[in-house]
Protein backbone atom coordinates (compact mmCIF):
# COMPACT_ATOMS: atom_id res chain seq x y z
CA MET A 1 -16.34 -3.00 -18.47
CA LYS A 2 -16.67 0.66 -19.54
CA LEU A 3 -13.83 2.65 -18.59
CA THR A 4 -14.61 6.23 -18.79
CA LEU A 5 -12.79 9.59 -18.19
CA ARG A 6 -15.90 10.90 -15.89
CA TYR A 7 -15.41 7.17 -13.70
CA ALA A 8 -11.57 7.47 -13.61
CA ILE A 9 -12.21 10.80 -11.95
CA ALA A 10 -15.17 9.33 -9.81
CA PHE A 11 -12.89 6.34 -8.77
CA LEU A 12 -9.85 8.24 -7.62
CA LEU A 13 -12.03 10.79 -5.75
CA LEU A 14 -13.35 7.63 -4.15
CA CYS A 15 -10.12 6.35 -3.31
CA LEU A 16 -8.74 9.29 -1.65
CA LEU A 17 -11.91 9.74 0.47
CA LEU A 18 -11.79 5.98 1.73
CA GLN A 19 -7.86 7.04 2.43
CA GLU A 20 -9.01 9.78 4.60
CA LEU A 21 -11.74 7.35 6.53
CA HIS A 22 -9.06 5.45 7.39
CA GLU A 23 -7.09 8.00 8.82
CA LEU A 24 -9.82 9.28 10.45
CA ALA A 25 -10.66 5.87 12.09
CA HIS A 26 -7.41 5.90 13.07
CA LEU A 27 -7.97 9.56 14.97
CA LEU A 28 -11.25 8.81 16.43
CA VAL A 29 -9.91 5.56 17.98
CA ASP A 30 -6.77 7.51 19.19
CA ARG A 31 -9.04 10.45 20.75
CA LEU A 32 -11.67 8.06 22.48
CA SER A 33 -8.82 6.06 24.36
CA VAL A 34 -5.74 8.45 24.64
CA HIS A 35 -7.50 11.91 24.37
CA CYS A 36 -5.06 12.70 21.63
CA GLY A 37 -3.72 12.51 18.38
CA THR A 38 -3.38 14.57 15.10
CA ARG A 39 -4.25 13.69 11.74
CA TYR A 40 -2.66 14.92 8.55
CA PHE A 41 -3.91 14.85 4.93
CA LEU A 42 -3.47 10.66 4.05
CA PHE A 43 -1.92 9.99 7.16
CA TRP A 44 -1.55 10.50 11.02
CA GLN A 45 0.61 10.43 14.05
CA MET A 46 -0.48 8.44 16.88
CA CYS A 47 0.28 9.52 20.85
CA GLU A 48 2.61 8.43 22.88
CA GLY A 49 1.34 6.82 26.05
CA ALA A 50 -1.21 4.25 25.14
CA THR A 51 -1.76 1.12 26.71
CA LYS A 52 -0.33 -2.13 24.27
CA TYR A 53 -4.24 -2.83 23.73
CA ALA A 54 -5.22 1.24 23.12
CA ALA A 55 -2.57 1.14 20.69
CA ALA A 56 -3.61 -1.67 19.11
CA ALA A 57 -7.17 -0.72 18.18
CA ILE A 58 -5.87 2.56 17.48
CA LEU A 59 -3.70 1.04 14.72
CA PHE A 60 -6.35 -1.55 13.74
CA ALA A 61 -9.03 0.65 13.51
CA GLY A 62 -7.57 2.08 9.62
CA PRO A 63 -7.73 -1.34 8.32
CA ALA A 64 -10.71 -2.45 9.76
CA ILE A 65 -12.50 0.21 7.70
CA ASN A 66 -10.78 -1.09 4.58
CA TYR A 67 -11.80 -4.59 5.09
CA ILE A 68 -15.62 -3.51 5.82
CA MET A 69 -15.20 -1.78 2.59
CA MET A 70 -13.70 -4.91 0.82
CA ALA A 71 -16.36 -7.41 2.63
CA ILE A 72 -19.10 -4.97 1.24
CA GLY A 73 -17.91 -5.09 -2.39
CA PHE A 74 -16.87 -8.85 -2.15
CA LEU A 75 -20.91 -9.40 -1.63
CA LEU A 76 -21.98 -6.88 -4.25
CA LEU A 77 -19.84 -9.12 -6.64
CA SER A 78 -21.62 -12.04 -6.32
CA GLN A 79 -23.21 -14.14 -9.09
CA GLN A 80 -26.88 -12.54 -8.63
CA SER A 81 -25.96 -9.21 -8.74
CA THR A 82 -27.10 -6.45 -11.19
CA ASN A 83 -24.05 -4.65 -13.09
CA LYS A 84 -24.66 -1.72 -11.25
CA GLN A 85 -24.04 -3.85 -7.59
CA LYS A 86 -21.36 -5.61 -9.07
CA SER A 87 -19.64 -2.06 -10.88
CA ILE A 88 -20.08 -0.71 -7.09
CA GLY A 89 -18.60 -3.96 -5.41
CA PHE A 90 -15.11 -3.95 -7.69
CA SER A 91 -14.85 -0.24 -7.22
CA LEU A 92 -15.06 -0.71 -3.38
CA ILE A 93 -12.58 -3.18 -3.26
CA LEU A 94 -9.93 -1.31 -5.43
CA ALA A 95 -10.61 1.93 -3.96
CA CYS A 96 -9.57 0.31 -0.70
CA ASN A 97 -5.83 0.93 -2.07
CA PRO A 98 -5.51 -2.85 -1.24
CA LEU A 99 -1.69 -2.61 -2.52
CA GLN A 100 -1.06 -0.59 0.19
CA ARG A 101 -2.22 -3.53 2.39
CA LEU A 102 -0.21 -5.73 0.26
CA GLN A 103 3.17 -4.00 0.45
CA ALA A 104 3.71 -5.73 4.00
CA LEU A 105 4.45 -8.70 2.29
CA VAL A 106 7.72 -6.59 0.86
CA PHE A 107 8.70 -4.30 3.62
CA ARG A 108 7.13 -6.09 6.61
CA GLY A 109 5.26 -3.22 7.90
CA SER A 110 1.95 -2.04 8.21
CA ASP A 111 -0.64 -1.14 10.42
CA GLU A 112 -1.86 -4.61 11.45
CA ILE A 113 1.45 -5.82 11.96
CA SER A 114 1.93 -2.93 14.43
CA ALA A 115 -1.15 -3.64 16.16
CA VAL A 116 -0.22 -7.15 16.42
CA ARG A 117 3.48 -6.19 17.80
CA GLU A 118 1.76 -3.97 20.07
CA LEU A 119 -0.54 -6.46 21.52
CA LEU A 120 2.43 -9.19 21.89
CA ARG A 121 4.75 -6.40 24.35
CA PRO A 122 6.92 -6.68 26.10
CA ALA A 123 8.04 -9.79 23.53
CA GLU A 124 7.08 -11.53 20.69
CA PRO A 125 7.36 -15.41 21.20
CA PHE A 126 9.49 -15.64 18.66
CA LYS A 127 11.54 -13.59 15.98
CA GLY A 128 8.70 -12.24 13.18
CA ALA A 129 5.54 -13.66 15.19
CA ALA A 130 4.02 -10.00 14.57
CA VAL A 131 5.20 -10.01 10.93
CA ILE A 132 3.49 -13.50 10.33
CA ALA A 133 0.30 -12.61 11.97
CA GLY A 134 -0.48 -8.90 11.04
CA ILE A 135 0.14 -10.35 7.45
CA ALA A 136 -1.81 -13.12 7.59
CA ILE A 137 -4.76 -10.98 8.90
CA MET A 138 -4.49 -9.01 5.58
CA LEU A 139 -4.25 -11.80 3.61
CA VAL A 140 -7.32 -13.16 4.90
CA PHE A 141 -9.54 -10.37 3.92
CA VAL A 142 -7.74 -8.79 0.76
CA LEU A 143 -7.08 -12.15 -1.10
CA PRO A 144 -10.69 -13.38 -1.46
CA SER A 145 -11.54 -9.79 -2.38
CA LEU A 146 -8.97 -9.17 -4.81
CA TYR A 147 -9.93 -12.85 -6.69
CA ARG A 148 -13.44 -12.29 -7.30
CA ALA A 149 -12.79 -8.63 -8.27
CA PHE A 150 -10.44 -9.85 -11.08
CA ARG A 151 -12.58 -12.57 -11.97
CA ASN A 152 -15.31 -10.34 -12.91
CA ILE A 153 -13.40 -8.48 -15.49
CA ASN A 154 -15.13 -9.52 -18.52
CA THR A 155 -12.10 -8.38 -20.91
CA GLY A 156 -9.11 -10.03 -22.61
CA ASN A 157 -7.00 -7.79 -21.11
CA ARG A 158 -7.62 -8.52 -17.32
CA TRP A 159 -4.06 -8.60 -15.77
CA LEU A 160 -3.36 -5.46 -17.59
CA LEU A 161 -6.79 -3.88 -15.78
CA MET A 162 -6.01 -5.16 -12.34
CA ALA A 163 -2.72 -3.91 -12.41
CA GLY A 164 -3.65 -0.20 -12.97
CA PHE A 165 -6.66 -0.31 -10.76
CA LEU A 166 -3.81 -1.72 -7.87
CA ILE A 167 -0.99 0.47 -9.34
CA ILE A 168 -2.19 3.47 -10.05
CA PRO A 169 -4.39 4.28 -6.55
CA PHE A 170 -1.14 3.12 -4.53
CA ALA A 171 0.64 5.78 -7.26
CA VAL A 172 -1.42 8.63 -6.05
CA ASN A 173 -1.88 8.43 -2.76
CA TYR A 174 2.08 8.07 -2.33
CA ILE A 175 2.64 11.40 -4.36
CA LEU A 176 0.07 12.95 -2.60
CA GLN A 177 1.73 12.09 1.22
CA GLN A 178 5.17 12.88 -0.13
CA LEU A 179 3.35 16.39 -1.14
CA PHE A 180 1.98 17.07 2.59
CA ALA A 181 4.45 15.19 4.56
CA GLY A 182 6.85 18.26 4.91
CA GLU A 183 6.69 20.14 8.40
CA HIS A 184 5.96 22.94 6.89
CA SER A 185 2.76 21.07 5.00
CA ARG A 186 1.95 19.70 7.84
CA GLN A 187 1.80 23.16 9.64
CA ILE A 188 -0.59 24.59 6.89
CA LEU A 189 -3.00 21.56 7.29
CA VAL A 190 -3.77 21.98 11.03
CA SER A 191 -4.30 25.56 10.62
CA LYS A 192 -7.85 27.06 10.63
CA PRO A 193 -8.23 28.96 7.01
CA ALA A 194 -11.79 30.39 8.59
CA SER A 195 -13.23 30.83 11.93
CA PHE A 196 -15.94 28.15 11.20
CA LEU A 197 -13.77 25.67 9.77
CA PRO A 198 -11.36 23.59 12.82
CA SER A 199 -8.22 23.27 10.09
CA TRP A 200 -7.54 23.09 6.11
CA LEU A 201 -8.03 19.48 6.73
CA VAL A 202 -11.63 19.33 7.00
CA LEU A 203 -12.10 22.08 4.15
CA ILE A 204 -9.94 19.44 1.78
CA ASP A 205 -12.40 16.77 3.02
CA LEU A 206 -15.37 18.76 2.30
CA LEU A 207 -13.90 19.37 -1.69
CA LEU A 208 -13.55 16.07 -2.45
CA LEU A 209 -16.77 15.04 -0.90
CA ALA A 210 -18.27 18.32 -3.07
CA CYS A 211 -16.55 16.84 -6.08
CA PHE A 212 -17.21 13.26 -5.67
CA LEU A 213 -20.86 13.61 -5.01
CA PRO A 214 -21.72 14.65 -8.52
CA LEU A 215 -19.90 11.82 -10.33
CA ARG A 216 -21.09 9.12 -7.68
CA LYS A 217 -23.33 7.58 -10.27
CA GLN A 218 -20.37 6.64 -12.36
CA ILE A 219 -18.71 4.06 -9.34
CA GLY A 220 -21.98 2.17 -10.20
CA GLN A 221 -21.24 1.92 -14.27
CA LEU A 222 -18.26 0.44 -14.71
CA PHE A 223 -20.10 -3.22 -15.49
CA SER A 224 -22.57 -1.49 -17.91
CA LYS A 225 -22.67 -2.02 -21.51
CA PHE A 226 -22.07 1.37 -23.95
CA ASN A 227 -25.04 2.73 -25.48
CA SER A 228 -24.99 1.12 -29.31
């Protein structure tokens, strides 16, 4: 496994871009169904007044992006894949911040659980039904991808590497969310930096993309061999 500083930077940028895509999916479905909703950096706020089906669709939209990317990564990690394909597949799975999804096992809260709870309104058939169903949906998509990613780590310290790939994106995402969670920060993020840009959020996303594009090839070199 070829871990370099350039790969680490590219990977963290990919993590942030996929998280922003996750939030944009929430917002897009929110705008299409309820015609409102607000997005901030790495998180969003749903409008009130949605029907239970619309609310469930809005809540499922974000995780759906993660699961699509994880499924692509899972397929790219097949035995027939090239090292480049495996590198991309592994990176996609871990860049989806799977620990963010797995935290539902501890805190009993996630988009999936909230979506199921909306579908079961006005009452769950039994206490904890939404938690069980939401966690089951999450595990069906997350565990196979993580297991295949783990099996493809070809170094002796695979447990340590896997822990790093899980914890570091989660920590970076959490820290940035907290930094931009204040009311003053939110107001700045949704304000316009210039007449041709709808908000600072768009500028931040464009900057993330601009930083990632020159480094994108690094994502396909994780499993390449070092030059002798």
